[in-house]
């Protein structure tokens, strides 16, 4: 890779996911239930995004943390082919158990583990200055207390090193309190690409009307920033400079596992932007990437570069 080419870095949560399903009803406490499908895999929004990039044939820099147990070594093997900078923490590796329900919904149980210990100093040590057009995707600050305090300064320092800032903040475990609103508004001022879903958009904006939410959030972003709202099976909406663009899509039938859908979209969208794609084409790349990954189970069967066609431009 030439050093003058735009770089793609992903900074955030890396953990282990155990996906199980399908659960038709919640079992009675103290009983046991057999489930027909399972996969143990690398998880967390940052790892999901990096793996999606590998599926597309990209090699992003992944910056995060791991624990100091055997599971951490297994996790590293799952990220083969991805340039990783992972801070080893004196903790067990964080794990999420995701239960897939028959109606398509999901329930997660997540341990605290190593995610508490990632530090801003480690991130900045491994985030080198970058050429014009480079993008740094930041994920899940609410799950990373070690970097959450002063997160706006971390974003500012990354921008000063030449990166466009992309942010997928996720959902605050404490809810959208006034303090969280003020905190997030400080982050948004640094964003070039804000990647959120519809519920996050209406929660940030304090309104159930999506059109109004778009307008309110757009005012919180820096001039020229792109607001991207993921609409699930309906596609995605992009908004920049007062204009909105929709990309409509159809969800593939028979999807069992929707874990990482938004992360896959993020990667497809940002990969297209790295290739100088326009907003509508980038939304399409994001939707195609998610649609190509979700029907695959187990995900480990996807080869590096197998989904590169998702970045092709379609009329």
C-alpha atoms as a PDB file:
ATOM      1  CA  UNK A   1       0.000   0.000   0.000  1.00  0.00           C
ATOM      2  CA  UNK A   2       1.330   3.389  -0.954  1.00  0.00           C
ATOM      3  CA  UNK A   3       1.672   5.769   1.943  1.00  0.00           C
ATOM      4  CA  UNK A   4       0.232   8.674  -0.042  1.00  0.00           C
ATOM      5  CA  UNK A   5      -3.033   6.806  -0.581  1.00  0.00           C
ATOM      6  CA  UNK A   6      -5.946   7.580   1.784  1.00  0.00           C
ATOM      7  CA  UNK A   7      -5.830   5.411   4.882  1.00  0.00           C
ATOM      8  CA  UNK A   8      -8.734   3.701   6.671  1.00  0.00           C
ATOM      9  CA  UNK A   9      -8.463   3.292  10.439  1.00  0.00           C
ATOM     10  CA  UNK A  10     -11.079   1.832  12.802  1.00  0.00           C
ATOM     11  CA  UNK A  11     -10.942   2.667  16.505  1.00  0.00           C
ATOM     12  CA  UNK A  12     -13.225   1.124  19.085  1.00  0.00           C
ATOM     13  CA  UNK A  13     -14.609  -2.041  20.650  1.00  0.00           C
ATOM     14  CA  UNK A  14     -13.133  -5.457  19.864  1.00  0.00           C
ATOM     15  CA  UNK A  15     -14.567  -8.437  21.720  1.00  0.00           C
ATOM     16  CA  UNK A  16     -15.932 -11.963  21.294  1.00  0.00           C
ATOM     17  CA  UNK A  17     -19.487 -12.764  20.192  1.00  0.00           C
ATOM     18  CA  UNK A  18     -21.333 -16.023  20.752  1.00  0.00           C
ATOM     19  CA  UNK A  19     -24.407 -15.959  18.501  1.00  0.00           C
ATOM     20  CA  UNK A  20     -27.152 -18.503  19.237  1.00  0.00           C
ATOM     21  CA  UNK A  21     -30.603 -19.111  17.820  1.00  0.00           C
ATOM     22  CA  UNK A  22     -33.379 -19.281  17.081  1.00  0.00           C
ATOM     23  CA  UNK A  23     -35.221 -18.746  20.365  1.00  0.00           C
ATOM     24  CA  UNK A  24     -38.994 -19.080  19.933  1.00  0.00           C
ATOM     25  CA  UNK A  25     -39.918 -18.168  23.512  1.00  0.00           C
ATOM     26  CA  UNK A  26     -38.070 -17.172  26.653  1.00  0.00           C
ATOM     27  CA  UNK A  27     -37.298 -20.319  28.671  1.00  0.00           C
ATOM     28  CA  UNK A  28     -38.303 -20.795  32.270  1.00  0.00           C
ATOM     29  CA  UNK A  29     -35.506 -20.075  34.748  1.00  0.00           C
ATOM     30  CA  UNK A  30     -33.589 -23.207  35.683  1.00  0.00           C
ATOM     31  CA  UNK A  31     -34.299 -25.087  32.446  1.00  0.00           C
ATOM     32  CA  UNK A  32     -32.165 -25.924  29.427  1.00  0.00           C
ATOM     33  CA  UNK A  33     -32.972 -25.378  25.756  1.00  0.00           C
ATOM     34  CA  UNK A  34     -31.212 -26.681  22.665  1.00  0.00           C
ATOM     35  CA  UNK A  35     -30.661 -24.207  19.813  1.00  0.00           C
ATOM     36  CA  UNK A  36     -29.881 -25.368  16.252  1.00  0.00           C
ATOM     37  CA  UNK A  37     -27.358 -22.659  15.274  1.00  0.00           C
ATOM     38  CA  UNK A  38     -24.330 -21.097  16.900  1.00  0.00           C
ATOM     39  CA  UNK A  39     -21.117 -19.335  15.996  1.00  0.00           C
ATOM     40  CA  UNK A  40     -18.267 -18.052  18.138  1.00  0.00           C
ATOM     41  CA  UNK A  41     -16.598 -15.134  16.369  1.00  0.00           C
ATOM     42  CA  UNK A  42     -14.829 -11.815  16.692  1.00  0.00           C
ATOM     43  CA  UNK A  43     -17.335  -9.138  17.641  1.00  0.00           C
ATOM     44  CA  UNK A  44     -17.807  -5.580  18.736  1.00  0.00           C
ATOM     45  CA  UNK A  45     -18.609  -2.783  16.305  1.00  0.00           C
ATOM     46  CA  UNK A  46     -14.961  -2.064  15.480  1.00  0.00           C
ATOM     47  CA  UNK A  47     -14.099  -5.709  14.799  1.00  0.00           C
ATOM     48  CA  UNK A  48     -17.298  -6.219  12.799  1.00  0.00           C
ATOM     49  CA  UNK A  49     -16.381  -3.210  10.657  1.00  0.00           C
ATOM     50  CA  UNK A  50     -12.817  -4.445  10.158  1.00  0.00           C
ATOM     51  CA  UNK A  51     -13.993  -7.924   9.192  1.00  0.00           C
ATOM     52  CA  UNK A  52     -16.449  -6.416   6.712  1.00  0.00           C
ATOM     53  CA  UNK A  53     -13.529  -4.474   5.246  1.00  0.00           C
ATOM     54  CA  UNK A  54     -11.566  -7.713   4.883  1.00  0.00           C
ATOM     55  CA  UNK A  55     -14.548  -9.253   3.071  1.00  0.00           C
ATOM     56  CA  UNK A  56     -14.427  -6.279   0.667  1.00  0.00           C
ATOM     57  CA  UNK A  57     -10.705  -6.755   0.049  1.00  0.00           C
ATOM     58  CA  UNK A  58      -9.488  -3.871   2.233  1.00  0.00           C
ATOM     59  CA  UNK A  59      -6.874  -3.845   5.011  1.00  0.00           C
ATOM     60  CA  UNK A  60      -7.846  -1.178   7.527  1.00  0.00           C
ATOM     61  CA  UNK A  61      -5.841  -0.421  10.643  1.00  0.00           C
ATOM     62  CA  UNK A  62      -7.812  -1.701  13.666  1.00  0.00           C
ATOM     63  CA  UNK A  63      -7.053  -0.021  17.006  1.00  0.00           C
ATOM     64  CA  UNK A  64      -8.584  -1.310  20.211  1.00  0.00           C
ATOM     65  CA  UNK A  65      -7.904  -3.612  23.144  1.00  0.00           C
ATOM     66  CA  UNK A  66      -7.982  -7.276  24.143  1.00  0.00           C
ATOM     67  CA  UNK A  67      -7.790  -9.130  27.424  1.00  0.00           C
ATOM     68  CA  UNK A  68      -4.914 -11.253  28.682  1.00  0.00           C
ATOM     69  CA  UNK A  69      -6.560 -14.686  28.569  1.00  0.00           C
ATOM     70  CA  UNK A  70      -6.679 -17.582  26.100  1.00  0.00           C
ATOM     71  CA  UNK A  71      -9.788 -16.127  24.481  1.00  0.00           C
ATOM     72  CA  UNK A  72      -7.785 -13.052  23.497  1.00  0.00           C
ATOM     73  CA  UNK A  73      -5.310 -15.222  21.584  1.00  0.00           C
ATOM     74  CA  UNK A  74      -8.193 -16.932  19.805  1.00  0.00           C
ATOM     75  CA  UNK A  75      -9.604 -13.491  18.968  1.00  0.00           C
ATOM     76  CA  UNK A  76      -6.335 -12.442  17.333  1.00  0.00           C
ATOM     77  CA  UNK A  77      -6.506 -15.477  15.044  1.00  0.00           C
ATOM     78  CA  UNK A  78      -9.954 -14.415  13.826  1.00  0.00           C
ATOM     79  CA  UNK A  79      -8.493 -11.063  12.747  1.00  0.00           C
ATOM     80  CA  UNK A  80      -5.794 -12.592  10.537  1.00  0.00           C
ATOM     81  CA  UNK A  81      -5.033 -10.369   7.576  1.00  0.00           C
ATOM     82  CA  UNK A  82      -6.135  -7.197   9.334  1.00  0.00           C
ATOM     83  CA  UNK A  83      -3.377  -4.861  10.616  1.00  0.00           C
ATOM     84  CA  UNK A  84      -4.193  -4.682  14.323  1.00  0.00           C
ATOM     85  CA  UNK A  85      -2.951  -2.526  17.193  1.00  0.00           C
ATOM     86  CA  UNK A  86      -4.623  -3.962  20.283  1.00  0.00           C
ATOM     87  CA  UNK A  87      -3.792  -2.875  23.815  1.00  0.00           C
ATOM     88  CA  UNK A  88      -3.419  -5.912  26.081  1.00  0.00           C
ATOM     89  CA  UNK A  89      -5.336  -5.263  29.310  1.00  0.00           C
ATOM     90  CA  UNK A  90      -5.078  -6.999  32.671  1.00  0.00           C
ATOM     91  CA  UNK A  91      -8.585  -8.382  32.374  1.00  0.00           C
ATOM     92  CA  UNK A  92     -10.633 -11.197  30.915  1.00  0.00           C
ATOM     93  CA  UNK A  93     -11.755 -10.670  27.336  1.00  0.00           C
ATOM     94  CA  UNK A  94     -15.157  -9.054  26.980  1.00  0.00           C
ATOM     95  CA  UNK A  95     -17.779 -11.444  25.610  1.00  0.00           C
ATOM     96  CA  UNK A  96     -21.311 -10.938  24.305  1.00  0.00           C
ATOM     97  CA  UNK A  97     -23.893 -13.686  23.997  1.00  0.00           C
ATOM     98  CA  UNK A  98     -26.436 -12.795  21.332  1.00  0.00           C
ATOM     99  CA  UNK A  99     -29.739 -14.669  21.241  1.00  0.00           C
ATOM    100  CA  UNK A 100     -31.667 -14.510  17.971  1.00  0.00           C
ATOM    101  CA  UNK A 101     -35.443 -14.499  18.410  1.00  0.00           C
ATOM    102  CA  UNK A 102     -37.989 -15.892  15.948  1.00  0.00           C
ATOM    103  CA  UNK A 103     -39.384 -12.411  15.242  1.00  0.00           C
ATOM    104  CA  UNK A 104     -35.963 -11.145  14.124  1.00  0.00           C
ATOM    105  CA  UNK A 105     -35.189  -9.275  17.337  1.00  0.00           C
ATOM    106  CA  UNK A 106     -32.031  -9.894  19.365  1.00  0.00           C
ATOM    107  CA  UNK A 107     -31.101 -10.021  23.051  1.00  0.00           C
ATOM    108  CA  UNK A 108     -27.507  -9.460  24.185  1.00  0.00           C
ATOM    109  CA  UNK A 109     -25.747 -10.293  27.431  1.00  0.00           C
ATOM    110  CA  UNK A 110     -22.297  -8.655  27.642  1.00  0.00           C
ATOM    111  CA  UNK A 111     -19.561  -8.880  30.248  1.00  0.00           C
ATOM    112  CA  UNK A 112     -17.570  -5.784  31.207  1.00  0.00           C
ATOM    113  CA  UNK A 113     -14.129  -7.298  30.681  1.00  0.00           C
ATOM    114  CA  UNK A 114     -11.274  -5.583  28.884  1.00  0.00           C
ATOM    115  CA  UNK A 115     -13.260  -2.846  27.099  1.00  0.00           C
ATOM    116  CA  UNK A 116     -13.040  -0.709  30.230  1.00  0.00           C
ATOM    117  CA  UNK A 117      -9.283  -0.298  29.846  1.00  0.00           C
ATOM    118  CA  UNK A 118      -8.567   1.095  26.359  1.00  0.00           C
ATOM    119  CA  UNK A 119      -6.783   4.450  26.750  1.00  0.00           C
ATOM    120  CA  UNK A 120      -6.599   7.580  24.544  1.00  0.00           C
ATOM    121  CA  UNK A 121      -2.790   7.468  24.776  1.00  0.00           C
ATOM    122  CA  UNK A 122      -2.727   4.012  23.173  1.00  0.00           C
ATOM    123  CA  UNK A 123      -5.083   5.117  20.394  1.00  0.00           C
ATOM    124  CA  UNK A 124      -3.025   8.187  19.535  1.00  0.00           C
ATOM    125  CA  UNK A 125       0.248   6.248  19.707  1.00  0.00           C
ATOM    126  CA  UNK A 126      -1.007   3.962  16.938  1.00  0.00           C
ATOM    127  CA  UNK A 127      -2.861   6.509  14.811  1.00  0.00           C
ATOM    128  CA  UNK A 128      -0.198   8.035  12.551  1.00  0.00           C
ATOM    129  CA  UNK A 129      -0.619  11.211  10.497  1.00  0.00           C
ATOM    130  CA  UNK A 130      -2.504  10.418   7.304  1.00  0.00           C
ATOM    131  CA  UNK A 131      -2.692  11.774   3.748  1.00  0.00           C
ATOM    132  CA  UNK A 132      -5.677  13.739   2.488  1.00  0.00           C
ATOM    133  CA  UNK A 133      -8.881  11.760   2.113  1.00  0.00           C
ATOM    134  CA  UNK A 134      -8.122   9.335   4.950  1.00  0.00           C
ATOM    135  CA  UNK A 135     -10.951   8.272   7.265  1.00  0.00           C
ATOM    136  CA  UNK A 136     -10.949   7.220  10.923  1.00  0.00           C
ATOM    137  CA  UNK A 137     -14.086   5.382  12.052  1.00  0.00           C
ATOM    138  CA  UNK A 138     -14.732   5.607  15.797  1.00  0.00           C
ATOM    139  CA  UNK A 139     -17.201   3.148  17.339  1.00  0.00           C
ATOM    140  CA  UNK A 140     -19.005   2.500  20.633  1.00  0.00           C
ATOM    141  CA  UNK A 141     -17.571   5.203  22.936  1.00  0.00           C
ATOM    142  CA  UNK A 142     -20.254   4.408  25.522  1.00  0.00           C
ATOM    143  CA  UNK A 143     -18.675   0.967  26.017  1.00  0.00           C
ATOM    144  CA  UNK A 144     -15.152   2.381  26.421  1.00  0.00           C
ATOM    145  CA  UNK A 145     -15.020   4.360  29.690  1.00  0.00           C
ATOM    146  CA  UNK A 146     -11.247   4.743  29.441  1.00  0.00           C
ATOM    147  CA  UNK A 147     -11.578   6.891  26.315  1.00  0.00           C
ATOM    148  CA  UNK A 148     -15.078   8.292  26.808  1.00  0.00           C
ATOM    149  CA  UNK A 149     -13.906  11.021  29.162  1.00  0.00           C
ATOM    150  CA  UNK A 150     -12.407  13.606  26.847  1.00  0.00           C
ATOM    151  CA  UNK A 151     -13.627  11.805  23.727  1.00  0.00           C
ATOM    152  CA  UNK A 152     -14.188  15.095  21.923  1.00  0.00           C
ATOM    153  CA  UNK A 153     -10.490  15.858  22.324  1.00  0.00           C
ATOM    154  CA  UNK A 154      -9.558  12.445  20.943  1.00  0.00           C
ATOM    155  CA  UNK A 155     -11.681  13.131  17.866  1.00  0.00           C
ATOM    156  CA  UNK A 156     -10.110  16.578  17.497  1.00  0.00           C
ATOM    157  CA  UNK A 157      -6.600  15.150  17.678  1.00  0.00           C
ATOM    158  CA  UNK A 158      -7.433  12.507  15.063  1.00  0.00           C
ATOM    159  CA  UNK A 159      -8.785  15.228  12.782  1.00  0.00           C
ATOM    160  CA  UNK A 160      -5.595  17.224  13.301  1.00  0.00           C
ATOM    161  CA  UNK A 161      -3.641  14.229  11.999  1.00  0.00           C
ATOM    162  CA  UNK A 162      -5.438  14.421   8.665  1.00  0.00           C
ATOM    163  CA  UNK A 163      -8.419  12.122   9.103  1.00  0.00           C
ATOM    164  CA  UNK A 164     -12.028  12.684   8.238  1.00  0.00           C
ATOM    165  CA  UNK A 165     -13.888  11.669  11.395  1.00  0.00           C
ATOM    166  CA  UNK A 166     -16.626   9.030  11.075  1.00  0.00           C
ATOM    167  CA  UNK A 167     -18.572   8.187  14.242  1.00  0.00           C
ATOM    168  CA  UNK A 168     -21.043   5.447  15.118  1.00  0.00           C
ATOM    169  CA  UNK A 169     -21.733   6.200  18.788  1.00  0.00           C
ATOM    170  CA  UNK A 170     -24.136   3.367  19.536  1.00  0.00           C
ATOM    171  CA  UNK A 171     -26.597   3.403  22.416  1.00  0.00           C
ATOM    172  CA  UNK A 172     -25.790   4.787  25.889  1.00  0.00           C
ATOM    173  CA  UNK A 173     -26.467   2.130  28.559  1.00  0.00           C
ATOM    174  CA  UNK A 174     -27.660   4.859  30.926  1.00  0.00           C
ATOM    175  CA  UNK A 175     -30.131   6.200  28.365  1.00  0.00           C
ATOM    176  CA  UNK A 176     -30.357   9.607  26.725  1.00  0.00           C
ATOM    177  CA  UNK A 177     -29.981  11.736  29.836  1.00  0.00           C
ATOM    178  CA  UNK A 178     -29.360  15.495  29.596  1.00  0.00           C
ATOM    179  CA  UNK A 179     -25.705  14.835  30.380  1.00  0.00           C
ATOM    180  CA  UNK A 180     -25.423  12.286  27.555  1.00  0.00           C
ATOM    181  CA  UNK A 181     -27.076  14.705  25.132  1.00  0.00           C
ATOM    182  CA  UNK A 182     -24.550  17.416  25.997  1.00  0.00           C
ATOM    183  CA  UNK A 183     -21.690  14.927  25.725  1.00  0.00           C
ATOM    184  CA  UNK A 184     -22.758  13.668  22.306  1.00  0.00           C
ATOM    185  CA  UNK A 185     -23.301  17.176  20.955  1.00  0.00           C
ATOM    186  CA  UNK A 186     -19.649  17.845  21.769  1.00  0.00           C
ATOM    187  CA  UNK A 187     -18.655  14.811  19.693  1.00  0.00           C
ATOM    188  CA  UNK A 188     -20.839  15.728  16.726  1.00  0.00           C
ATOM    189  CA  UNK A 189     -19.025  19.009  16.214  1.00  0.00           C
ATOM    190  CA  UNK A 190     -15.973  17.010  15.038  1.00  0.00           C
ATOM    191  CA  UNK A 191     -17.771  14.617  12.674  1.00  0.00           C
ATOM    192  CA  UNK A 192     -17.438  14.470   8.912  1.00  0.00           C
ATOM    193  CA  UNK A 193     -19.647  11.355   8.779  1.00  0.00           C
ATOM    194  CA  UNK A 194     -22.177  10.542  11.510  1.00  0.00           C
ATOM    195  CA  UNK A 195     -23.508   6.989  11.125  1.00  0.00           C
ATOM    196  CA  UNK A 196     -26.589   6.240  13.228  1.00  0.00           C
ATOM    197  CA  UNK A 197     -29.851   4.322  12.990  1.00  0.00           C
ATOM    198  CA  UNK A 198     -33.343   5.792  13.025  1.00  0.00           C
ATOM    199  CA  UNK A 199     -33.956   5.233  16.747  1.00  0.00           C
ATOM    200  CA  UNK A 200     -30.622   6.832  17.621  1.00  0.00           C
ATOM    201  CA  UNK A 201     -31.449   9.787  15.377  1.00  0.00           C
ATOM    202  CA  UNK A 202     -34.819  10.459  16.985  1.00  0.00           C
ATOM    203  CA  UNK A 203     -33.319   9.988  20.461  1.00  0.00           C
ATOM    204  CA  UNK A 204     -30.470  12.437  19.815  1.00  0.00           C
ATOM    205  CA  UNK A 205     -32.882  14.973  18.340  1.00  0.00           C
ATOM    206  CA  UNK A 206     -35.625  14.536  20.944  1.00  0.00           C
ATOM    207  CA  UNK A 207     -38.391  14.019  18.380  1.00  0.00           C
ATOM    208  CA  UNK A 208     -40.175  11.058  16.809  1.00  0.00           C
ATOM    209  CA  UNK A 209     -40.368  12.858  13.451  1.00  0.00           C
ATOM    210  CA  UNK A 210     -37.415  11.708  11.357  1.00  0.00           C
ATOM    211  CA  UNK A 211     -37.415  14.698   9.011  1.00  0.00           C
ATOM    212  CA  UNK A 212     -37.254  17.075  11.964  1.00  0.00           C
ATOM    213  CA  UNK A 213     -34.591  14.906  13.619  1.00  0.00           C
ATOM    214  CA  UNK A 214     -32.434  15.154  10.492  1.00  0.00           C
ATOM    215  CA  UNK A 215     -32.677  18.939  10.532  1.00  0.00           C
ATOM    216  CA  UNK A 216     -31.847  19.209  14.229  1.00  0.00           C
ATOM    217  CA  UNK A 217     -28.840  16.884  14.053  1.00  0.00           C
ATOM    218  CA  UNK A 218     -27.527  18.529  10.893  1.00  0.00           C
ATOM    219  CA  UNK A 219     -27.262  21.810  12.807  1.00  0.00           C
ATOM    220  CA  UNK A 220     -25.027  20.092  15.381  1.00  0.00           C
ATOM    221  CA  UNK A 221     -22.547  18.846  12.777  1.00  0.00           C
ATOM    222  CA  UNK A 222     -19.679  20.782  11.232  1.00  0.00           C
ATOM    223  CA  UNK A 223     -20.369  22.471   7.869  1.00  0.00           C
ATOM    224  CA  UNK A 224     -20.292  19.999   4.989  1.00  0.00           C
ATOM    225  CA  UNK A 225     -20.613  16.952   7.264  1.00  0.00           C
ATOM    226  CA  UNK A 226     -22.610  13.920   6.137  1.00  0.00           C
ATOM    227  CA  UNK A 227     -25.434  12.637   8.332  1.00  0.00           C
ATOM    228  CA  UNK A 228     -26.141   8.990   7.501  1.00  0.00           C
ATOM    229  CA  UNK A 229     -29.209   7.292   8.965  1.00  0.00           C
ATOM    230  CA  UNK A 230     -29.495   3.525   8.585  1.00  0.00           C
ATOM    231  CA  UNK A 231     -33.107   2.467   7.999  1.00  0.00           C
ATOM    232  CA  UNK A 232     -32.702  -1.302   8.210  1.00  0.00           C
ATOM    233  CA  UNK A 233     -34.553  -3.193   5.494  1.00  0.00           C
ATOM    234  CA  UNK A 234     -35.759   0.125   4.002  1.00  0.00           C
ATOM    235  CA  UNK A 235     -32.223   1.244   3.051  1.00  0.00           C
ATOM    236  CA  UNK A 236     -30.470   4.414   4.172  1.00  0.00           C
ATOM    237  CA  UNK A 237     -30.771   8.188   4.163  1.00  0.00           C
ATOM    238  CA  UNK A 238     -27.929  10.626   3.641  1.00  0.00           C
ATOM    239  CA  UNK A 239     -28.095  14.342   4.384  1.00  0.00           C
ATOM    240  CA  UNK A 240     -25.498  16.999   3.569  1.00  0.00           C
ATOM    241  CA  UNK A 241     -25.683  20.760   2.975  1.00  0.00           C
ATOM    242  CA  UNK A 242     -29.440  20.831   3.487  1.00  0.00           C
ATOM    243  CA  UNK A 243     -30.202  18.109   0.931  1.00  0.00           C
ATOM    244  CA  UNK A 244     -31.363  14.553   1.672  1.00  0.00           C
ATOM    245  CA  UNK A 245     -30.755  11.474  -0.470  1.00  0.00           C
ATOM    246  CA  UNK A 246     -32.443   8.096  -0.036  1.00  0.00           C
ATOM    247  CA  UNK A 247     -31.193   4.711  -1.150  1.00  0.00           C
ATOM    248  CA  UNK A 248     -33.965   2.132  -1.091  1.00  0.00           C
ATOM    249  CA  UNK A 249     -33.171  -1.546  -0.851  1.00  0.00           C
ATOM    250  CA  UNK A 250     -34.824  -4.891  -0.224  1.00  0.00           C
ATOM    251  CA  UNK A 251     -33.770  -7.191   2.574  1.00  0.00           C
ATOM    252  CA  UNK A 252     -32.753 -10.701   1.572  1.00  0.00           C
ATOM    253  CA  UNK A 253     -35.185 -13.393   2.766  1.00  0.00           C
ATOM    254  CA  UNK A 254     -34.305 -15.988   5.379  1.00  0.00           C
ATOM    255  CA  UNK A 255     -31.712 -14.002   7.332  1.00  0.00           C
ATOM    256  CA  UNK A 256     -30.999 -15.653  10.680  1.00  0.00           C
ATOM    257  CA  UNK A 257     -28.264 -13.429  12.019  1.00  0.00           C
ATOM    258  CA  UNK A 258     -28.491  -9.625  11.866  1.00  0.00           C
ATOM    259  CA  UNK A 259     -25.605  -8.969  14.267  1.00  0.00           C
ATOM    260  CA  UNK A 260     -23.252  -6.392  12.780  1.00  0.00           C
ATOM    261  CA  UNK A 261     -25.653  -5.193  10.080  1.00  0.00           C
ATOM    262  CA  UNK A 262     -25.013  -1.521  10.821  1.00  0.00           C
ATOM    263  CA  UNK A 263     -21.267  -2.093  11.129  1.00  0.00           C
ATOM    264  CA  UNK A 264     -21.196  -3.781   7.725  1.00  0.00           C
ATOM    265  CA  UNK A 265     -23.109  -0.863   6.235  1.00  0.00           C
ATOM    266  CA  UNK A 266     -20.653   1.599   7.796  1.00  0.00           C
ATOM    267  CA  UNK A 267     -17.701  -0.135   6.171  1.00  0.00           C
ATOM    268  CA  UNK A 268     -19.274  -0.347   2.737  1.00  0.00           C
ATOM    269  CA  UNK A 269     -20.275   3.306   2.863  1.00  0.00           C
ATOM    270  CA  UNK A 270     -16.879   4.539   4.065  1.00  0.00           C
ATOM    271  CA  UNK A 271     -14.967   2.303   1.638  1.00  0.00           C
ATOM    272  CA  UNK A 272     -16.910   3.896  -1.199  1.00  0.00           C
ATOM    273  CA  UNK A 273     -16.163   7.380   0.124  1.00  0.00           C
ATOM    274  CA  UNK A 274     -12.467   6.483   0.233  1.00  0.00           C
ATOM    275  CA  UNK A 275     -12.843   5.663  -3.467  1.00  0.00           C
ATOM    276  CA  UNK A 276     -14.321   9.134  -4.099  1.00  0.00           C
ATOM    277  CA  UNK A 277     -17.880   7.831  -4.590  1.00  0.00           C
ATOM    278  CA  UNK A 278     -20.734  10.311  -4.323  1.00  0.00           C
ATOM    279  CA  UNK A 279     -23.293  10.160  -1.525  1.00  0.00           C
ATOM    280  CA  UNK A 280     -25.914   8.066  -3.338  1.00  0.00           C
ATOM    281  CA  UNK A 281     -23.360   5.548  -4.605  1.00  0.00           C
ATOM    282  CA  UNK A 282     -21.811   5.295  -1.133  1.00  0.00           C
ATOM    283  CA  UNK A 283     -25.210   4.632   0.452  1.00  0.00           C
ATOM    284  CA  UNK A 284     -25.686   1.896  -2.126  1.00  0.00           C
ATOM    285  CA  UNK A 285     -22.316   0.361  -1.335  1.00  0.00           C
ATOM    286  CA  UNK A 286     -23.210   0.308   2.349  1.00  0.00           C
ATOM    287  CA  UNK A 287     -26.557  -1.361   1.705  1.00  0.00           C
ATOM    288  CA  UNK A 288     -25.049  -3.933  -0.674  1.00  0.00           C
ATOM    289  CA  UNK A 289     -22.294  -4.794   1.814  1.00  0.00           C
ATOM    290  CA  UNK A 290     -24.753  -5.411   4.640  1.00  0.00           C
ATOM    291  CA  UNK A 291     -27.074  -7.382   2.342  1.00  0.00           C
ATOM    292  CA  UNK A 292     -24.191  -9.590   1.182  1.00  0.00           C
ATOM    293  CA  UNK A 293     -22.898 -10.343   4.687  1.00  0.00           C
ATOM    294  CA  UNK A 294     -26.127 -10.908   6.652  1.00  0.00           C
ATOM    295  CA  UNK A 295     -27.364 -14.053   4.868  1.00  0.00           C
ATOM    296  CA  UNK A 296     -24.008 -15.782   5.401  1.00  0.00           C
ATOM    297  CA  UNK A 297     -23.829 -18.139   8.360  1.00  0.00           C
ATOM    298  CA  UNK A 298     -21.326 -18.883   9.680  1.00  0.00           C
ATOM    299  CA  UNK A 299     -19.624 -15.590   8.813  1.00  0.00           C
ATOM    300  CA  UNK A 300     -16.174 -17.183   8.972  1.00  0.00           C
ATOM    301  CA  UNK A 301     -16.976 -18.820   5.628  1.00  0.00           C
ATOM    302  CA  UNK A 302     -16.601 -15.455   3.839  1.00  0.00           C
ATOM    303  CA  UNK A 303     -13.199 -15.258   2.145  1.00  0.00           C
ATOM    304  CA  UNK A 304     -11.049 -12.131   2.084  1.00  0.00           C
ATOM    305  CA  UNK A 305     -12.030 -10.008  -0.903  1.00  0.00           C
ATOM    306  CA  UNK A 306     -15.006 -12.218  -1.767  1.00  0.00           C
ATOM    307  CA  UNK A 307     -17.462  -9.312  -1.539  1.00  0.00           C
ATOM    308  CA  UNK A 308     -15.436  -6.704  -3.426  1.00  0.00           C
ATOM    309  CA  UNK A 309     -18.250  -6.473  -5.991  1.00  0.00           C
ATOM    310  CA  UNK A 310     -20.306  -4.587  -3.393  1.00  0.00           C
ATOM    311  CA  UNK A 311     -18.152  -1.499  -4.040  1.00  0.00           C
ATOM    312  CA  UNK A 312     -18.908  -1.432  -7.757  1.00  0.00           C
ATOM    313  CA  UNK A 313     -21.111   1.443  -8.880  1.00  0.00           C
ATOM    314  CA  UNK A 314     -24.546   0.511 -10.175  1.00  0.00           C
ATOM    315  CA  UNK A 315     -26.950   2.732 -12.152  1.00  0.00           C
END
